[in-house]
Amino acid sequence: MANQKQVYLLRRGSGEWNRWRSSHPKSQIHLSHAPLRLAILPFANLTRANLTRANLQGADLDQANLEGANLTGAHLTGATLEGANLTGAQTSGCIGCPG
């Protein structure tokens, strides 16, 4: 399940999230099953984040770094991912993930 502190920080926006990530570079990111519908997260650093079955419907993930993220079973219908880095991301069973 999702780390509620991390969900709270991420919901506050990518600026605050990225500052926290910079201060905690070795922290594992646990956002599985996170309710992030309609979240505004352009440029968010979600490198190697566990987003298994997260609800990201309609989220703004433009330019987000999702390199190596686990998006297995995540729901991204309607999410914007323009310029997002999905290199090495696991997308098995992802709903709405780019091909």
C-alpha atoms as a PDB file:
ATOM      1  CA  MET A   1       0.000   0.000   0.000  1.00  0.00           C
ATOM      2  CA  ALA A   2       0.977   3.608  -0.492  1.00  0.00           C
ATOM      3  CA  ASN A   3       3.104   5.535   1.972  1.00  0.00           C
ATOM      4  CA  GLN A   4       0.599   8.172   3.101  1.00  0.00           C
ATOM      5  CA  LYS A   5       3.289  10.791   3.786  1.00  0.00           C
ATOM      6  CA  GLN A   6       4.539  10.391   0.222  1.00  0.00           C
ATOM      7  CA  VAL A   7       1.000  10.625  -1.192  1.00  0.00           C
ATOM      8  CA  TYR A   8       0.450  13.817   0.825  1.00  0.00           C
ATOM      9  CA  LEU A   9       3.690  15.370  -0.446  1.00  0.00           C
ATOM     10  CA  LEU A  10       2.976  14.402  -4.047  1.00  0.00           C
ATOM     11  CA  ARG A  11      -0.553  15.841  -3.893  1.00  0.00           C
ATOM     12  CA  ARG A  12       1.005  19.187  -2.870  1.00  0.00           C
ATOM     13  CA  GLY A  13       2.599  19.381  -6.313  1.00  0.00           C
ATOM     14  CA  SER A  14       5.725  18.465  -8.183  1.00  0.00           C
ATOM     15  CA  GLY A  15       7.778  21.395  -6.839  1.00  0.00           C
ATOM     16  CA  GLU A  16       7.445  20.332  -3.222  1.00  0.00           C
ATOM     17  CA  TRP A  17       7.727  16.659  -4.209  1.00  0.00           C
ATOM     18  CA  ASN A  18      10.944  17.182  -6.154  1.00  0.00           C
ATOM     19  CA  ARG A  19      12.493  19.155  -3.270  1.00  0.00           C
ATOM     20  CA  TRP A  20      11.665  16.274  -0.926  1.00  0.00           C
ATOM     21  CA  ARG A  21      13.111  13.727  -3.382  1.00  0.00           C
ATOM     22  CA  SER A  22      16.323  15.769  -3.602  1.00  0.00           C
ATOM     23  CA  SER A  23      16.608  15.728   0.183  1.00  0.00           C
ATOM     24  CA  HIS A  24      15.830  11.985   0.413  1.00  0.00           C
ATOM     25  CA  PRO A  25      17.554  10.446  -2.640  1.00  0.00           C
ATOM     26  CA  LYS A  26      17.702   6.927  -1.187  1.00  0.00           C
ATOM     27  CA  SER A  27      14.065   6.733  -0.098  1.00  0.00           C
ATOM     28  CA  GLN A  28      11.978   4.073  -1.764  1.00  0.00           C
ATOM     29  CA  ILE A  29       8.817   5.500  -3.264  1.00  0.00           C
ATOM     30  CA  HIS A  30       5.729   3.481  -2.328  1.00  0.00           C
ATOM     31  CA  LEU A  31       2.669   4.800  -4.149  1.00  0.00           C
ATOM     32  CA  SER A  32       0.887   1.540  -4.919  1.00  0.00           C
ATOM     33  CA  HIS A  33      -2.904   1.959  -4.920  1.00  0.00           C
ATOM     34  CA  ALA A  34      -2.409   5.725  -4.395  1.00  0.00           C
ATOM     35  CA  PRO A  35      -5.440   7.926  -5.142  1.00  0.00           C
ATOM     36  CA  LEU A  36      -3.809  10.451  -7.489  1.00  0.00           C
ATOM     37  CA  ARG A  37      -6.729  11.096  -9.827  1.00  0.00           C
ATOM     38  CA  LEU A  38      -6.427  14.554 -11.471  1.00  0.00           C
ATOM     39  CA  ALA A  39      -3.103  15.248  -9.728  1.00  0.00           C
ATOM     40  CA  ILE A  40      -1.076  18.115 -11.218  1.00  0.00           C
ATOM     41  CA  LEU A  41       2.450  16.660 -11.483  1.00  0.00           C
ATOM     42  CA  PRO A  42       4.350  18.101 -14.446  1.00  0.00           C
ATOM     43  CA  PHE A  43       8.104  17.537 -14.134  1.00  0.00           C
ATOM     44  CA  ALA A  44       7.617  15.238 -11.098  1.00  0.00           C
ATOM     45  CA  ASN A  45      10.551  12.973 -10.298  1.00  0.00           C
ATOM     46  CA  LEU A  46       8.909   9.550 -10.048  1.00  0.00           C
ATOM     47  CA  THR A  47      12.024   7.600 -10.943  1.00  0.00           C
ATOM     48  CA  ARG A  48      11.738   3.970  -9.790  1.00  0.00           C
ATOM     49  CA  ALA A  49       8.463   4.724  -7.973  1.00  0.00           C
ATOM     50  CA  ASN A  50       6.138   1.862  -7.144  1.00  0.00           C
ATOM     51  CA  LEU A  51       2.868   3.019  -8.705  1.00  0.00           C
ATOM     52  CA  THR A  52       1.304  -0.440  -8.925  1.00  0.00           C
ATOM     53  CA  ARG A  53      -2.467  -0.069  -9.318  1.00  0.00           C
ATOM     54  CA  ALA A  54      -2.273   3.680  -8.604  1.00  0.00           C
ATOM     55  CA  ASN A  55      -5.191   5.764  -9.851  1.00  0.00           C
ATOM     56  CA  LEU A  56      -3.679   8.460 -12.064  1.00  0.00           C
ATOM     57  CA  GLN A  57      -6.784   9.081 -14.176  1.00  0.00           C
ATOM     58  CA  GLY A  58      -6.650  12.537 -15.723  1.00  0.00           C
ATOM     59  CA  ALA A  59      -3.362  13.388 -14.006  1.00  0.00           C
ATOM     60  CA  ASP A  60      -0.963  15.893 -15.570  1.00  0.00           C
ATOM     61  CA  LEU A  61       2.307  13.987 -15.896  1.00  0.00           C
ATOM     62  CA  ASP A  62       3.794  16.099 -18.692  1.00  0.00           C
ATOM     63  CA  GLN A  63       7.605  15.968 -18.597  1.00  0.00           C
ATOM     64  CA  ALA A  64       7.467  13.668 -15.524  1.00  0.00           C
ATOM     65  CA  ASN A  65      10.363  11.287 -14.994  1.00  0.00           C
ATOM     66  CA  LEU A  66       8.873   7.788 -14.675  1.00  0.00           C
ATOM     67  CA  GLU A  67      12.098   6.009 -15.588  1.00  0.00           C
ATOM     68  CA  GLY A  68      12.079   2.517 -14.096  1.00  0.00           C
ATOM     69  CA  ALA A  69       8.719   3.102 -12.404  1.00  0.00           C
ATOM     70  CA  ASN A  70       6.377   0.191 -11.769  1.00  0.00           C
ATOM     71  CA  LEU A  71       3.051   1.079 -13.384  1.00  0.00           C
ATOM     72  CA  THR A  72       1.696  -2.481 -13.322  1.00  0.00           C
ATOM     73  CA  GLY A  73      -2.087  -2.279 -13.241  1.00  0.00           C
ATOM     74  CA  ALA A  74      -2.049   1.524 -12.867  1.00  0.00           C
ATOM     75  CA  HIS A  75      -4.958   3.510 -14.300  1.00  0.00           C
ATOM     76  CA  LEU A  76      -3.785   6.372 -16.536  1.00  0.00           C
ATOM     77  CA  THR A  77      -6.861   6.942 -18.700  1.00  0.00           C
ATOM     78  CA  GLY A  78      -7.006  10.614 -19.631  1.00  0.00           C
ATOM     79  CA  ALA A  79      -3.604  11.367 -18.095  1.00  0.00           C
ATOM     80  CA  THR A  80      -1.292  13.638 -20.073  1.00  0.00           C
ATOM     81  CA  LEU A  81       2.226  12.301 -20.530  1.00  0.00           C
ATOM     82  CA  GLU A  82       3.680  14.676 -23.127  1.00  0.00           C
ATOM     83  CA  GLY A  83       7.454  14.461 -22.912  1.00  0.00           C
ATOM     84  CA  ALA A  84       7.328  12.041 -19.962  1.00  0.00           C
ATOM     85  CA  ASN A  85      10.262   9.632 -19.598  1.00  0.00           C
ATOM     86  CA  LEU A  86       8.951   6.058 -19.389  1.00  0.00           C
ATOM     87  CA  THR A  87      12.291   4.379 -20.123  1.00  0.00           C
ATOM     88  CA  GLY A  88      12.344   0.993 -18.411  1.00  0.00           C
ATOM     89  CA  ALA A  89       8.920   1.479 -16.843  1.00  0.00           C
ATOM     90  CA  GLN A  90       6.891  -1.670 -16.169  1.00  0.00           C
ATOM     91  CA  THR A  91       3.475  -1.217 -17.762  1.00  0.00           C
ATOM     92  CA  SER A  92       1.967  -4.703 -17.714  1.00  0.00           C
ATOM     93  CA  GLY A  93      -1.800  -4.422 -17.279  1.00  0.00           C
ATOM     94  CA  CYS A  94      -1.624  -0.634 -17.207  1.00  0.00           C
ATOM     95  CA  ILE A  95      -4.860   0.970 -18.340  1.00  0.00           C
ATOM     96  CA  GLY A  96      -4.275   3.961 -20.603  1.00  0.00           C
ATOM     97  CA  CYS A  97      -0.481   3.661 -20.692  1.00  0.00           C
ATOM     98  CA  PRO A  98       1.162   4.735 -23.936  1.00  0.00           C
ATOM     99  CA  GLY A  99       1.924   1.837 -26.296  1.00  0.00           C
END
